[in-house]
Amino acid sequence: MDRIFAPLALAALLAACTPGAPATGPTPDPRPHPTPGRPAAPRALEYQPISPALPPIPEANGALNIRVIHPTPTQGRPRVDSTFIYGSVGRGGVALEINGVPVPVARNGAFIGYLPTPSDGVWRLRAMADGQEDTEQVAYAAPSGGGAATPATPSQNAVYSRARLGTVTGGADTLATGSDAIYARPTPTGSYRWFFPRGARLSVLERRGNQYRVQLDGATEAWVDAENIGLADTTATPPDATPIAAARVVRSGQNLDVRVAARGRPFLVETSETGATITVYGASSAQARSEAPADAWYRGATTTAAGASTQYALQLASAPWGYKAWYEGDGTLVVRVRRPPAIDPANPLRGRRIVIDPGHPPAGATGPTGLYEGDANLAIALPLAEKLRAAGAEVIMTRTNREGMVSSTQSGPELRARVALAVQRDAEMLISVHNNAFGEGANPFRAHGTSVYYFHPFSAALARALDREIVGVTRIPDIGARVSNLALARPTWMPTALTESLFMPIPEQEAALRNPEFVERLADAHLRGIEAFLRERAGGAR
């Protein structure tokens, strides 16, 4: 990511590197260093908001006290040339210096700087106001990322002379939450592409460390975590397009079931604005047999050979609302494609069942003056829920207080419990409300903006509608609606989106999240985004 220094830090560097003067010795180190002896008093600089359209930062007049929020003393030193540091000094009008560089202080005492990463791993802060002085040091625990990854032992690495039969034994019986099913990647470190429920049968070619390389068909390979696969002593049947019975498309209530005698073969579900395609790997089939009569939404189904695999395509008038997938006892694959609900264009929220998730705890960011993201998210989500209910929606909250959800799940309890709740309650939408933070080394003066994240194509329109409305309120740069592999965006059974309205570390953005009137406007923006998406989908055929 492109990085620049905060204006004063940049000025110091430019002064050290001004061309024209002849070189008379070694090039000086441009990084600031403490001055020997007692340093001169730092200069007081007034913070200039980088998001001037937000409400003004209120004034604070507390005791002079340096409090560094980021980095924490337990954090390892990042391997970047420059990074950010932020916190507060208790009041405005304070002269603050960090490693010899003056840093502006906001009216409420908040500060954020983007400075060279200290070569000795220590941030030295000095603040002065009205004859008083306070100092603080924050030292990184150790260089982060130090040491190479532990290599796999020879017994862990193996290339099999003949493919071994592997069966998915981890995860859940049904793909619906996007978190419990076992994922596979096209490369050892690639993005998630395939999700396999328990019972999927894979042709395993190689073990490399903690992963298996599996063959899906003659041209497609994937990587799966070995801990989720039971490896048999028997040789796997090669994925050579073995014929299987024709697929059946049948009604299941208002939804459509695609039933394939796949005998546990792996699969991929892909959705679009006008359909859904199920690829069954390593199998050939006769034409899909549609036992569901065509209607205004379902137009029919076709079968296409795709190399050593088969694709079943449903032609639909509009995007599916979501899908589930599982194997029956005999290995039959069932993919349930969800029909969009009947939406009243005049009152699109009436009767909709919506899960609102105030993101965090655990984890989450903290702003310069100590506002915890989980509290800021809840402050937006609670009025949003009330507004949705007032419009006729049924709202399910993942939490209503500062505590997180209670779950007995051992691995990732919070995230898995939240998405599982949405599936269990048969929700029609899931909105996860968040505010953002920076990755180490990011330049906060450039790398901020409003964004909304989704994972599946049928959620894209929801994310776009939310982003349009939220950025109209925040009036900061628009990062946009983007695909991201986030647990709260991965559920397959319903449209889902994760909003990131503001950045917690930026002083005026944190201050705006303390402003009740502004928070109310953010809740209204979320409401309008949800309503706009539903009204858009209400125009589709049913």
Protein backbone atom coordinates (compact mmCIF):
# COMPACT_ATOMS: atom_id res chain seq x y z
CA MET A 1 0.00 0.00 0.00
CA ASP A 2 1.30 3.49 -0.88
CA ARG A 3 2.41 5.33 2.24
CA ILE A 4 3.13 8.97 3.04
CA PHE A 5 4.26 10.64 6.21
CA ALA A 6 2.13 13.03 8.22
CA PRO A 7 2.93 16.56 7.02
CA LEU A 8 5.42 17.47 9.74
CA ALA A 9 7.23 14.18 9.61
CA LEU A 10 7.47 14.53 5.83
CA ALA A 11 8.88 18.04 6.17
CA ALA A 12 11.62 16.76 8.48
CA LEU A 13 12.58 14.08 6.00
CA LEU A 14 12.60 16.49 3.04
CA ALA A 15 14.86 18.87 4.93
CA ALA A 16 17.33 16.06 5.54
CA CYS A 17 17.29 15.05 1.86
CA THR A 18 17.26 18.48 0.11
CA PRO A 19 19.31 18.29 -3.12
CA GLY A 20 21.98 20.83 -4.03
CA ALA A 21 24.35 20.68 -1.04
CA PRO A 22 27.56 18.74 -1.69
CA ALA A 23 28.07 15.53 0.25
CA THR A 24 30.63 16.03 2.99
CA GLY A 25 30.24 12.78 4.89
CA PRO A 26 27.90 9.87 5.55
CA THR A 27 24.25 10.42 4.66
CA PRO A 28 22.44 11.41 7.87
CA ASP A 29 19.74 9.10 9.24
CA PRO A 30 16.42 10.86 8.43
CA ARG A 31 14.64 9.26 11.39
CA PRO A 32 14.20 11.53 14.43
CA HIS A 33 16.34 10.80 17.47
CA PRO A 34 16.10 12.11 21.04
CA THR A 35 18.22 15.25 21.55
CA PRO A 36 21.04 14.83 24.13
CA GLY A 37 20.40 16.67 27.35
CA ARG A 38 17.08 18.29 28.18
CA PRO A 39 15.16 18.80 24.92
CA ALA A 40 13.41 22.02 24.06
CA ALA A 41 9.70 22.25 24.78
CA PRO A 42 7.61 20.68 22.01
CA ARG A 43 5.46 22.88 19.82
CA ALA A 44 1.69 22.79 20.20
CA LEU A 45 0.02 21.90 16.89
CA GLU A 46 -3.72 21.93 16.34
CA TYR A 47 -5.11 18.77 14.75
CA GLN A 48 -6.75 19.35 11.36
CA PRO A 49 -9.53 16.78 10.77
CA ILE A 50 -9.08 14.67 7.66
CA SER A 51 -12.87 14.15 7.57
CA PRO A 52 -14.14 17.75 7.88
CA ALA A 53 -17.75 16.88 6.97
CA LEU A 54 -18.21 15.00 10.26
CA PRO A 55 -19.45 16.75 13.41
CA PRO A 56 -16.82 18.97 15.09
CA ILE A 57 -14.69 17.31 17.73
CA PRO A 58 -15.89 18.47 21.17
CA GLU A 59 -13.50 20.13 23.57
CA ALA A 60 -12.11 18.28 26.60
CA ASN A 61 -10.23 19.79 29.52
CA GLY A 62 -9.10 16.83 31.59
CA ALA A 63 -5.82 16.25 33.36
CA LEU A 64 -2.68 16.00 31.25
CA ASN A 65 -2.12 12.27 30.88
CA ILE A 66 -0.61 10.38 27.94
CA ARG A 67 -2.51 7.21 27.10
CA VAL A 68 -1.33 5.19 24.09
CA ILE A 69 -4.02 2.93 22.63
CA HIS A 70 -1.96 1.56 19.73
CA PRO A 71 0.49 -0.06 19.80
CA THR A 72 0.07 -2.05 22.97
CA PRO A 73 3.15 -3.09 24.96
CA THR A 74 2.54 -6.75 24.08
CA GLN A 75 2.58 -6.16 20.34
CA GLY A 76 5.56 -7.28 18.30
CA ARG A 77 7.43 -4.71 16.22
CA PRO A 78 5.98 -4.68 12.70
CA ARG A 79 8.22 -5.18 9.70
CA VAL A 80 7.31 -1.91 8.02
CA ASP A 81 9.25 1.32 7.47
CA SER A 82 6.49 3.51 8.87
CA THR A 83 3.36 2.92 10.89
CA PHE A 84 0.75 4.67 13.00
CA ILE A 85 0.51 5.40 16.70
CA TYR A 86 -2.53 6.89 18.41
CA GLY A 87 -4.05 7.67 21.78
CA SER A 88 -4.92 10.71 23.87
CA VAL A 89 -3.40 13.23 26.27
CA GLY A 90 -6.55 14.13 28.23
CA ARG A 91 -7.21 17.61 26.86
CA GLY A 92 -6.78 19.91 23.90
CA GLY A 93 -4.14 22.62 23.46
CA VAL A 94 -1.31 20.22 24.36
CA ALA A 95 2.14 20.22 22.78
CA LEU A 96 2.96 16.60 21.92
CA GLU A 97 6.15 15.14 20.56
CA ILE A 98 6.67 11.50 19.52
CA ASN A 99 10.25 10.42 18.92
CA GLY A 100 11.22 14.03 18.33
CA VAL A 101 8.42 14.79 15.84
CA PRO A 102 5.65 17.24 16.81
CA VAL A 103 2.22 15.58 16.48
CA PRO A 104 -1.04 17.57 16.39
CA VAL A 105 -3.56 17.12 19.21
CA ALA A 106 -7.31 17.41 18.73
CA ARG A 107 -9.62 19.52 20.91
CA ASN A 108 -10.58 16.44 22.93
CA GLY A 109 -6.95 15.37 23.46
CA ALA A 110 -6.92 12.65 20.78
CA PHE A 111 -3.90 12.23 18.52
CA ILE A 112 -2.80 10.02 15.65
CA GLY A 113 0.57 10.05 13.91
CA TYR A 114 2.13 8.22 10.99
CA LEU A 115 5.85 8.07 11.65
CA PRO A 116 8.97 6.03 10.91
CA THR A 117 8.93 2.80 12.87
CA PRO A 118 11.48 3.32 15.67
CA SER A 119 14.67 1.41 14.93
CA ASP A 120 15.06 0.47 18.60
CA GLY A 121 11.40 -0.52 18.92
CA VAL A 122 10.54 2.25 21.42
CA TRP A 123 8.03 5.07 21.04
CA ARG A 124 8.95 8.03 23.28
CA LEU A 125 6.16 10.52 23.95
CA ARG A 126 6.41 13.92 25.66
CA ALA A 127 3.45 16.25 26.29
CA MET A 128 3.38 19.74 27.79
CA ALA A 129 0.56 22.15 28.69
CA ASP A 130 0.33 25.10 31.10
CA GLY A 131 3.73 24.36 32.59
CA GLN A 132 2.93 20.71 33.20
CA GLU A 133 4.73 17.82 31.52
CA ASP A 134 4.00 14.13 31.04
CA THR A 135 6.14 11.47 29.37
CA GLU A 136 5.48 7.92 28.27
CA GLN A 137 7.36 5.12 26.54
CA VAL A 138 5.86 2.19 24.67
CA ALA A 139 8.23 -0.58 23.58
CA TYR A 140 7.33 -3.33 21.16
CA ALA A 141 7.58 -6.80 22.66
CA ALA A 142 9.68 -8.25 19.84
CA PRO A 143 9.90 -8.15 16.04
CA SER A 144 6.72 -9.71 14.67
CA GLY A 145 6.91 -12.57 12.24
CA GLY A 146 10.35 -13.55 13.46
CA GLY A 147 11.55 -17.03 12.73
CA ALA A 148 10.61 -19.30 9.89
CA ALA A 149 7.59 -21.56 10.05
CA THR A 150 8.29 -24.97 11.51
CA PRO A 151 8.97 -27.27 8.57
CA ALA A 152 6.84 -30.36 8.15
CA THR A 153 8.46 -33.58 9.32
CA PRO A 154 9.20 -36.18 6.64
CA SER A 155 6.37 -38.34 7.97
CA GLN A 156 3.89 -35.52 7.24
CA ASN A 157 4.90 -35.11 3.60
CA ALA A 158 3.89 -37.80 1.14
CA VAL A 159 3.03 -38.10 -2.54
CA TYR A 160 0.84 -41.16 -3.05
CA SER A 161 1.62 -43.45 -5.97
CA ARG A 162 -2.11 -44.02 -6.33
CA ALA A 163 -4.79 -41.62 -5.13
CA ARG A 164 -6.14 -42.38 -1.65
CA LEU A 165 -9.78 -42.13 -0.65
CA GLY A 166 -10.42 -39.23 1.70
CA THR A 167 -13.74 -38.46 3.39
CA VAL A 168 -14.66 -35.15 5.01
CA THR A 169 -15.14 -35.94 8.69
CA GLY A 170 -14.89 -32.42 10.14
CA GLY A 171 -17.35 -29.57 10.03
CA ALA A 172 -21.12 -29.81 9.76
CA ASP A 173 -23.55 -32.09 7.93
CA THR A 174 -25.04 -29.14 6.05
CA LEU A 175 -23.48 -26.24 4.18
CA ALA A 176 -25.51 -23.20 5.26
CA THR A 177 -23.52 -21.00 7.63
CA GLY A 178 -20.35 -20.86 5.51
CA SER A 179 -18.32 -21.42 8.69
CA ASP A 180 -19.03 -25.00 9.74
CA ALA A 181 -18.54 -26.68 6.36
CA ILE A 182 -14.96 -27.54 5.37
CA TYR A 183 -13.39 -25.19 2.85
CA ALA A 184 -10.91 -25.90 0.08
CA ARG A 185 -8.61 -23.56 -1.84
CA PRO A 186 -7.19 -23.64 -5.39
CA THR A 187 -3.68 -23.18 -3.92
CA PRO A 188 -2.28 -23.87 -0.44
CA THR A 189 -2.76 -20.22 0.58
CA GLY A 190 -5.50 -19.14 -1.85
CA SER A 191 -8.99 -17.83 -1.11
CA TYR A 192 -11.84 -20.13 -0.16
CA ARG A 193 -13.64 -21.49 -3.23
CA TRP A 194 -15.22 -24.81 -2.27
CA PHE A 195 -17.21 -25.68 0.84
CA PHE A 196 -17.80 -29.37 1.61
CA PRO A 197 -20.26 -30.73 4.18
CA ARG A 198 -19.44 -33.87 6.12
CA GLY A 199 -19.45 -36.95 3.91
CA ALA A 200 -17.80 -35.50 0.80
CA ARG A 201 -15.47 -38.08 -0.81
CA LEU A 202 -12.20 -36.79 -2.19
CA SER A 203 -9.35 -38.27 -4.23
CA VAL A 204 -6.20 -37.45 -2.22
CA LEU A 205 -2.95 -37.15 -4.17
CA GLU A 206 -0.48 -35.71 -1.68
CA ARG A 207 0.08 -34.57 1.88
CA ARG A 208 2.16 -31.46 2.35
CA GLY A 209 2.51 -30.37 5.95
CA ASN A 210 -0.98 -29.87 7.36
CA GLN A 211 -2.78 -29.97 4.01
CA TYR A 212 -3.92 -32.53 1.47
CA ARG A 213 -3.84 -31.93 -2.27
CA VAL A 214 -6.99 -33.45 -3.74
CA GLN A 215 -8.15 -34.05 -7.29
CA LEU A 216 -11.71 -32.95 -8.00
CA ASP A 217 -11.72 -33.95 -11.66
CA GLY A 218 -9.11 -34.45 -14.36
CA ALA A 219 -8.32 -30.73 -14.56
CA THR A 220 -9.19 -29.36 -11.13
CA GLU A 221 -7.24 -29.68 -7.89
CA ALA A 222 -7.77 -28.20 -4.43
CA TRP A 223 -6.07 -28.01 -1.03
CA VAL A 224 -7.87 -29.02 2.18
CA ASP A 225 -6.73 -29.00 5.81
CA ALA A 226 -5.70 -32.56 6.67
CA GLU A 227 -7.31 -32.48 10.13
CA ASN A 228 -10.75 -32.46 8.50
CA ILE A 229 -10.17 -35.50 6.29
CA GLY A 230 -10.33 -39.17 7.17
CA LEU A 231 -7.84 -40.99 4.94
CA ALA A 232 -8.66 -44.62 4.11
CA ASP A 233 -6.17 -47.32 3.24
CA THR A 234 -8.10 -48.02 0.04
CA THR A 235 -7.40 -46.45 -3.33
CA ALA A 236 -9.84 -43.78 -4.46
CA THR A 237 -11.87 -44.24 -7.61
CA PRO A 238 -10.28 -41.90 -10.18
CA PRO A 239 -12.48 -38.87 -10.96
CA ASP A 240 -12.92 -40.00 -14.56
CA ALA A 241 -16.47 -38.87 -15.34
CA THR A 242 -18.12 -42.07 -14.11
CA PRO A 243 -21.78 -42.00 -15.26
CA ILE A 244 -24.40 -41.26 -12.62
CA ALA A 245 -28.18 -41.11 -12.70
CA ALA A 246 -29.87 -37.99 -14.06
CA ALA A 247 -30.36 -35.16 -11.61
CA ARG A 248 -33.88 -34.31 -10.47
CA VAL A 249 -35.20 -30.81 -9.84
CA VAL A 250 -38.10 -30.96 -7.39
CA ARG A 251 -40.08 -28.55 -5.25
CA SER A 252 -39.43 -28.33 -1.49
CA GLY A 253 -42.11 -25.98 -0.25
CA GLN A 254 -41.42 -22.70 -2.03
CA ASN A 255 -37.80 -23.68 -2.75
CA LEU A 256 -36.14 -25.88 -5.37
CA ASP A 257 -34.10 -29.01 -4.60
CA VAL A 258 -31.53 -30.28 -7.08
CA ARG A 259 -30.97 -33.95 -6.23
CA VAL A 260 -27.94 -35.69 -7.73
CA ALA A 261 -26.90 -39.30 -7.14
CA ALA A 262 -23.37 -38.04 -6.65
CA ARG A 263 -22.19 -40.81 -4.31
CA GLY A 264 -20.42 -38.22 -2.18
CA ARG A 265 -18.58 -36.50 -5.01
CA PRO A 266 -17.37 -32.93 -4.37
CA PHE A 267 -19.37 -30.04 -5.80
CA LEU A 268 -19.42 -26.29 -6.32
CA VAL A 269 -22.48 -23.99 -6.20
CA GLU A 270 -22.28 -20.71 -8.10
CA THR A 271 -25.04 -18.10 -8.22
CA SER A 272 -25.74 -15.16 -10.50
CA GLU A 273 -28.42 -12.54 -11.06
CA THR A 274 -30.37 -14.98 -13.23
CA GLY A 275 -29.63 -18.45 -11.94
CA ALA A 276 -27.63 -21.03 -10.03
CA THR A 277 -25.16 -23.62 -11.32
CA ILE A 278 -24.15 -26.80 -9.50
CA THR A 279 -20.95 -28.49 -10.69
CA VAL A 280 -20.53 -32.14 -9.65
CA TYR A 281 -16.92 -33.17 -10.16
CA GLY A 282 -15.79 -36.40 -11.74
CA ALA A 283 -19.23 -37.47 -12.98
CA SER A 284 -21.22 -37.48 -16.21
CA SER A 285 -25.00 -37.52 -16.28
CA ALA A 286 -27.98 -37.57 -18.56
CA GLN A 287 -30.12 -34.45 -18.97
CA ALA A 288 -31.50 -33.11 -15.68
CA ARG A 289 -35.12 -34.10 -15.17
CA SER A 290 -37.28 -31.22 -13.96
CA GLU A 291 -40.20 -32.38 -11.85
CA ALA A 292 -40.91 -28.84 -10.65
CA PRO A 293 -43.26 -26.97 -12.97
CA ALA A 294 -41.91 -23.75 -14.41
CA ASP A 295 -43.37 -20.53 -13.03
CA ALA A 296 -42.67 -16.81 -12.98
CA TRP A 297 -39.38 -17.33 -11.12
CA TYR A 298 -38.19 -20.83 -12.12
CA ARG A 299 -37.77 -21.13 -15.89
CA GLY A 300 -36.19 -24.57 -16.19
CA ALA A 301 -32.92 -26.53 -15.90
CA THR A 302 -30.20 -27.73 -18.27
CA THR A 303 -27.26 -30.14 -18.06
CA THR A 304 -23.83 -29.41 -19.56
CA ALA A 305 -20.70 -31.54 -19.69
CA ALA A 306 -17.69 -29.66 -18.30
CA GLY A 307 -14.66 -31.82 -19.00
CA ALA A 308 -14.77 -34.73 -16.58
CA SER A 309 -17.58 -33.07 -14.61
CA THR A 310 -21.23 -32.12 -15.05
CA GLN A 311 -22.97 -28.80 -14.51
CA TYR A 312 -26.65 -28.40 -13.70
CA ALA A 313 -27.93 -24.89 -14.39
CA LEU A 314 -31.19 -23.45 -13.10
CA GLN A 315 -32.63 -20.60 -15.17
CA LEU A 316 -34.27 -18.09 -12.83
CA ALA A 317 -35.97 -14.73 -13.28
CA SER A 318 -33.84 -13.22 -10.51
CA ALA A 319 -30.99 -14.19 -8.22
CA PRO A 320 -31.67 -16.94 -5.68
CA TRP A 321 -32.07 -15.81 -2.09
CA GLY A 322 -29.46 -18.35 -0.93
CA TYR A 323 -28.87 -22.10 -0.78
CA LYS A 324 -28.10 -25.08 1.46
CA ALA A 325 -26.35 -28.31 0.52
CA TRP A 326 -25.89 -31.73 2.14
CA TYR A 327 -25.41 -35.44 1.41
CA GLU A 328 -28.04 -38.02 2.26
CA GLY A 329 -27.08 -41.41 3.67
CA ASP A 330 -26.56 -42.99 0.24
CA GLY A 331 -24.33 -40.15 -0.94
CA THR A 332 -27.06 -38.27 -2.82
CA LEU A 333 -26.22 -34.59 -3.03
CA VAL A 334 -29.09 -32.21 -2.28
CA VAL A 335 -28.74 -28.52 -3.11
CA ARG A 336 -31.72 -26.48 -1.89
CA VAL A 337 -32.03 -23.19 -3.77
CA ARG A 338 -33.97 -20.58 -1.83
CA ARG A 339 -36.76 -18.68 -3.54
CA PRO A 340 -36.92 -14.92 -2.83
CA PRO A 341 -39.66 -13.98 -0.35
CA ALA A 342 -42.80 -12.19 -1.49
CA ILE A 343 -41.96 -8.51 -0.92
CA ASP A 344 -44.51 -5.71 -0.87
CA PRO A 345 -43.01 -2.84 -2.92
CA ALA A 346 -45.07 -0.33 -0.95
CA ASN A 347 -43.77 -1.62 2.40
CA PRO A 348 -40.77 -3.86 1.66
CA LEU A 349 -39.82 -4.40 5.32
CA ARG A 350 -43.18 -5.78 6.40
CA GLY A 351 -42.86 -9.41 7.45
CA ARG A 352 -39.14 -9.71 6.78
CA ARG A 353 -37.09 -11.71 9.31
CA ILE A 354 -33.75 -9.93 9.74
CA VAL A 355 -30.77 -10.70 11.99
CA ILE A 356 -28.84 -7.63 13.17
CA ASP A 357 -25.38 -8.41 14.53
CA PRO A 358 -23.57 -5.68 16.49
CA GLY A 359 -20.01 -6.77 15.74
CA HIS A 360 -17.75 -7.82 18.63
CA PRO A 361 -16.87 -8.74 21.35
CA PRO A 362 -14.47 -10.47 21.48
CA ALA A 363 -11.73 -8.43 19.77
CA GLY A 364 -12.56 -5.18 18.00
CA ALA A 365 -10.78 -1.85 17.77
CA THR A 366 -10.55 0.98 20.32
CA GLY A 367 -10.48 4.69 19.46
CA PRO A 368 -7.93 7.27 20.68
CA THR A 369 -10.02 8.32 23.69
CA GLY A 370 -11.02 4.76 24.59
CA LEU A 371 -14.32 4.18 22.74
CA TYR A 372 -14.54 0.42 22.17
CA GLU A 373 -15.79 -0.65 18.76
CA GLY A 374 -18.20 -3.20 20.23
CA ASP A 375 -19.96 -0.35 22.07
CA ALA A 376 -20.05 1.86 18.97
CA ASN A 377 -21.50 -0.99 16.90
CA LEU A 378 -24.19 -1.66 19.49
CA ALA A 379 -25.10 2.03 19.61
CA ILE A 380 -25.89 1.88 15.87
CA ALA A 381 -27.55 -1.55 15.93
CA LEU A 382 -30.05 -0.92 18.74
CA PRO A 383 -31.86 2.03 17.09
CA LEU A 384 -31.60 0.24 13.73
CA ALA A 385 -33.47 -2.72 15.20
CA GLU A 386 -36.20 -0.46 16.56
CA LYS A 387 -36.60 1.30 13.22
CA LEU A 388 -36.88 -2.05 11.41
CA ARG A 389 -39.51 -3.26 13.87
CA ALA A 390 -41.45 -0.04 13.46
CA ALA A 391 -41.53 -0.72 9.70
CA GLY A 392 -42.97 -4.20 10.24
CA ALA A 393 -39.87 -6.40 10.23
CA GLU A 394 -39.15 -9.21 12.67
CA VAL A 395 -35.70 -8.48 14.12
CA ILE A 396 -33.38 -10.96 15.81
CA MET A 397 -30.38 -9.46 17.63
CA THR A 398 -27.22 -11.48 18.21
CA ARG A 399 -26.64 -9.40 21.35
CA THR A 400 -28.36 -6.50 23.11
CA ASN A 401 -25.74 -5.53 25.70
CA ARG A 402 -21.97 -5.25 26.09
CA GLU A 403 -21.56 -8.98 26.56
CA GLY A 404 -20.97 -11.30 23.62
CA MET A 405 -23.04 -14.32 22.74
CA VAL A 406 -22.86 -17.36 24.99
CA SER A 407 -21.81 -20.50 23.11
CA SER A 408 -20.21 -23.82 23.97
CA THR A 409 -18.50 -24.11 20.59
CA GLN A 410 -14.81 -24.64 21.17
CA SER A 411 -13.44 -23.18 17.93
CA GLY A 412 -14.40 -19.60 17.07
CA PRO A 413 -17.43 -19.60 19.40
CA GLU A 414 -18.64 -16.08 18.75
CA LEU A 415 -18.52 -15.98 14.96
CA ARG A 416 -19.89 -19.48 14.47
CA ALA A 417 -22.68 -18.88 16.99
CA ARG A 418 -23.78 -15.67 15.30
CA VAL A 419 -24.09 -17.14 11.81
CA ALA A 420 -25.61 -20.36 13.20
CA LEU A 421 -28.33 -18.29 14.90
CA ALA A 422 -29.28 -16.70 11.58
CA VAL A 423 -29.59 -20.11 9.90
CA GLN A 424 -31.46 -21.70 12.81
CA ARG A 425 -34.02 -18.87 12.84
CA ASP A 426 -34.42 -19.12 9.04
CA ALA A 427 -33.55 -15.44 8.72
CA GLU A 428 -34.03 -13.75 5.36
CA MET A 429 -31.13 -11.31 5.84
CA LEU A 430 -28.09 -10.86 8.08
CA ILE A 431 -26.50 -7.44 8.63
CA SER A 432 -23.33 -7.24 10.75
CA VAL A 433 -22.62 -3.69 11.97
CA HIS A 434 -18.96 -2.73 12.39
CA ASN A 435 -16.51 0.16 12.37
CA ASN A 436 -13.04 -0.26 10.96
CA ALA A 437 -9.39 -0.27 12.03
CA PHE A 438 -6.07 -0.18 10.20
CA GLY A 439 -3.68 -2.96 9.39
CA GLU A 440 -0.14 -2.38 10.64
CA GLY A 441 1.79 -0.02 8.39
CA ALA A 442 -1.30 1.57 6.79
CA ASN A 443 -1.26 5.33 6.39
CA PRO A 444 -4.38 6.55 8.26
CA PHE A 445 -4.35 9.84 6.36
CA ARG A 446 -5.02 7.98 3.11
CA ALA A 447 -6.25 4.46 3.87
CA HIS A 448 -9.63 5.28 5.39
CA GLY A 449 -13.16 5.22 4.01
CA THR A 450 -16.60 3.66 4.24
CA SER A 451 -16.94 0.07 3.01
CA VAL A 452 -19.38 -2.85 3.01
CA TYR A 453 -18.32 -6.48 2.54
CA TYR A 454 -20.06 -9.53 1.10
CA PHE A 455 -18.98 -12.97 -0.12
CA HIS A 456 -21.65 -14.54 -2.36
CA PRO A 457 -22.95 -12.87 -5.56
CA PHE A 458 -26.55 -12.93 -4.31
CA SER A 459 -25.46 -10.56 -1.50
CA ALA A 460 -23.78 -8.01 -3.78
CA ALA A 461 -26.87 -5.84 -4.32
CA LEU A 462 -27.47 -5.65 -0.56
CA ALA A 463 -23.88 -4.54 0.06
CA ARG A 464 -24.07 -1.91 -2.69
CA ALA A 465 -27.34 -0.48 -1.33
CA LEU A 466 -25.95 -0.23 2.19
CA ASP A 467 -22.72 1.37 0.99
CA ARG A 468 -24.57 4.05 -1.01
CA GLU A 469 -26.64 5.10 1.98
CA ILE A 470 -23.89 4.96 4.63
CA VAL A 471 -21.31 6.92 2.62
CA GLY A 472 -23.96 9.58 2.07
CA VAL A 473 -23.93 10.14 5.84
CA THR A 474 -20.23 9.68 6.63
CA ARG A 475 -19.09 11.75 3.62
CA ILE A 476 -15.64 10.23 3.75
CA PRO A 477 -13.93 8.37 0.86
CA ASP A 478 -15.96 5.46 -0.50
CA ILE A 479 -14.02 2.19 -0.47
CA GLY A 480 -17.19 0.60 -1.82
CA ALA A 481 -18.92 -2.78 -1.70
CA ARG A 482 -16.27 -5.50 -1.87
CA VAL A 483 -15.93 -9.26 -1.72
CA SER A 484 -14.19 -10.45 1.44
CA ASN A 485 -13.83 -13.83 3.10
CA LEU A 486 -15.38 -12.85 6.43
CA ALA A 487 -17.31 -15.25 8.64
CA LEU A 488 -20.31 -12.92 8.92
CA ALA A 489 -20.41 -12.53 5.13
CA ARG A 490 -20.10 -16.24 4.24
CA PRO A 491 -23.52 -17.74 5.13
CA THR A 492 -25.07 -19.34 2.05
CA TRP A 493 -28.73 -19.41 3.17
CA MET A 494 -29.48 -15.68 3.00
CA PRO A 495 -28.10 -12.36 1.70
CA THR A 496 -25.55 -11.04 4.19
CA ALA A 497 -23.40 -7.93 4.45
CA LEU A 498 -20.89 -6.50 6.93
CA THR A 499 -20.76 -2.71 7.18
CA GLU A 500 -17.68 -0.64 8.14
CA SER A 501 -18.95 2.93 8.51
CA LEU A 502 -16.00 4.79 10.06
CA PHE A 503 -12.45 4.15 11.30
CA MET A 504 -12.12 3.97 15.07
CA PRO A 505 -8.50 5.31 15.28
CA ILE A 506 -9.21 8.64 13.51
CA PRO A 507 -10.03 11.31 16.13
CA GLU A 508 -13.02 12.96 14.42
CA GLN A 509 -14.45 9.61 13.33
CA GLU A 510 -14.28 8.20 16.85
CA ALA A 511 -15.78 11.46 18.15
CA ALA A 512 -18.65 11.18 15.63
CA LEU A 513 -19.44 7.72 17.00
CA ARG A 514 -19.89 9.32 20.44
CA ASN A 515 -22.39 11.83 18.98
CA PRO A 516 -25.97 10.51 19.53
CA GLU A 517 -27.42 12.53 16.66
CA PHE A 518 -24.81 11.26 14.21
CA VAL A 519 -25.23 7.66 15.39
CA GLU A 520 -28.97 8.00 14.76
CA ARG A 521 -28.23 9.12 11.22
CA LEU A 522 -26.01 6.07 10.71
CA ALA A 523 -28.82 3.81 11.91
CA ASP A 524 -31.17 5.54 9.45
CA ALA A 525 -28.66 4.96 6.63
CA HIS A 526 -28.54 1.23 7.41
CA LEU A 527 -32.34 1.16 7.42
CA ARG A 528 -32.56 2.90 4.03
CA GLY A 529 -29.97 0.53 2.55
CA ILE A 530 -31.87 -2.57 3.66
CA GLU A 531 -35.14 -1.09 2.43
CA ALA A 532 -33.64 -0.12 -0.95
CA PHE A 533 -32.34 -3.65 -1.51
CA LEU A 534 -35.71 -5.18 -0.68
CA ARG A 535 -37.60 -2.73 -2.87
CA GLU A 536 -35.24 -3.54 -5.76
CA ARG A 537 -35.82 -7.28 -5.29
CA ALA A 538 -39.59 -6.75 -4.98
CA GLY A 539 -39.63 -6.01 -8.71
CA GLY A 540 -38.50 -9.56 -9.58
CA ALA A 541 -40.92 -12.27 -10.71
CA ARG A 542 -42.15 -14.71 -8.09
